[in-house]
Amino acid sequence: MPVKILHLNFKGCLLIISGSAETMQAFLEYFEENYGGAEEYIRRHIGLSDEDIATIKNNILIPGQIP
């Protein structure tokens, strides 16, 4: 069923996932200011521990790159 919904409003879906760099920067600044950033949001609202977050980072980040 979700595929049918996406097909019916494909243009709307594209608008949601294709924001400009300025829009993304504004969102990230808002998110940081209001929620303390992604890690803090995950700790407070999702309930993951620092250890959980470290495990996720170790699994998805490329060694040697700044997280």
Protein backbone atom coordinates (compact mmCIF):
# COMPACT_ATOMS: atom_id res chain seq x y z
CA MET A 1 0.00 0.00 0.00
CA PRO A 2 2.72 2.63 0.73
CA VAL A 3 4.00 2.27 -2.83
CA LYS A 4 0.58 3.21 -4.17
CA ILE A 5 0.52 6.29 -1.95
CA LEU A 6 3.98 7.35 -3.12
CA HIS A 7 2.90 6.86 -6.72
CA LEU A 8 -0.16 9.05 -6.25
CA ASN A 9 1.84 11.90 -4.73
CA PHE A 10 5.32 11.38 -6.17
CA LYS A 11 5.96 15.11 -6.58
CA GLY A 12 5.12 15.73 -2.91
CA CYS A 13 7.45 12.93 -1.85
CA LEU A 14 10.27 14.41 -3.91
CA LEU A 15 9.79 17.77 -2.20
CA ILE A 16 10.12 16.12 1.20
CA ILE A 17 13.36 14.30 0.40
CA SER A 18 15.07 16.87 -1.82
CA GLY A 19 15.51 19.93 0.37
CA SER A 20 18.10 22.52 -0.50
CA ALA A 21 21.41 22.87 1.35
CA GLU A 22 20.06 26.02 3.00
CA THR A 23 16.96 24.20 4.20
CA MET A 24 19.05 21.35 5.62
CA GLN A 25 21.39 23.80 7.37
CA ALA A 26 18.42 25.65 8.88
CA PHE A 27 16.93 22.35 10.07
CA LEU A 28 20.21 21.23 11.64
CA GLU A 29 20.61 24.55 13.44
CA TYR A 30 17.02 24.37 14.70
CA PHE A 31 17.47 20.77 15.81
CA GLU A 32 20.70 21.60 17.64
CA GLU A 33 19.19 24.65 19.31
CA ASN A 34 15.93 22.98 20.36
CA TYR A 35 16.99 19.38 21.03
CA GLY A 36 20.73 19.53 21.67
CA GLY A 37 21.58 17.73 18.45
CA ALA A 38 21.02 14.20 17.25
CA GLU A 39 22.88 12.39 20.01
CA GLU A 40 21.10 14.27 22.78
CA TYR A 41 17.75 13.69 21.11
CA ILE A 42 18.49 9.97 20.86
CA ARG A 43 19.49 9.85 24.54
CA ARG A 44 16.49 11.79 25.88
CA HIS A 45 13.66 10.85 23.56
CA ILE A 46 14.60 7.42 22.27
CA GLY A 47 16.38 6.23 25.41
CA LEU A 48 19.61 4.87 24.00
CA SER A 49 22.67 4.88 26.24
CA ASP A 50 26.06 6.39 25.44
CA GLU A 51 27.27 2.84 24.88
CA ASP A 52 24.45 2.19 22.40
CA ILE A 53 25.32 5.38 20.52
CA ALA A 54 29.02 4.48 20.45
CA THR A 55 28.16 1.06 19.04
CA ILE A 56 26.06 2.60 16.28
CA LYS A 57 28.83 5.07 15.42
CA ASN A 58 31.42 2.30 15.31
CA ASN A 59 29.21 0.35 12.92
CA ILE A 60 28.44 3.15 10.49
CA LEU A 61 31.40 5.55 10.51
CA ILE A 62 34.48 5.17 8.37
CA PRO A 63 37.62 4.93 10.53
CA GLY A 64 39.70 8.11 10.42
CA GLN A 65 36.83 10.43 9.50
CA ILE A 66 35.48 13.03 11.90
CA PRO A 67 32.13 11.92 13.39
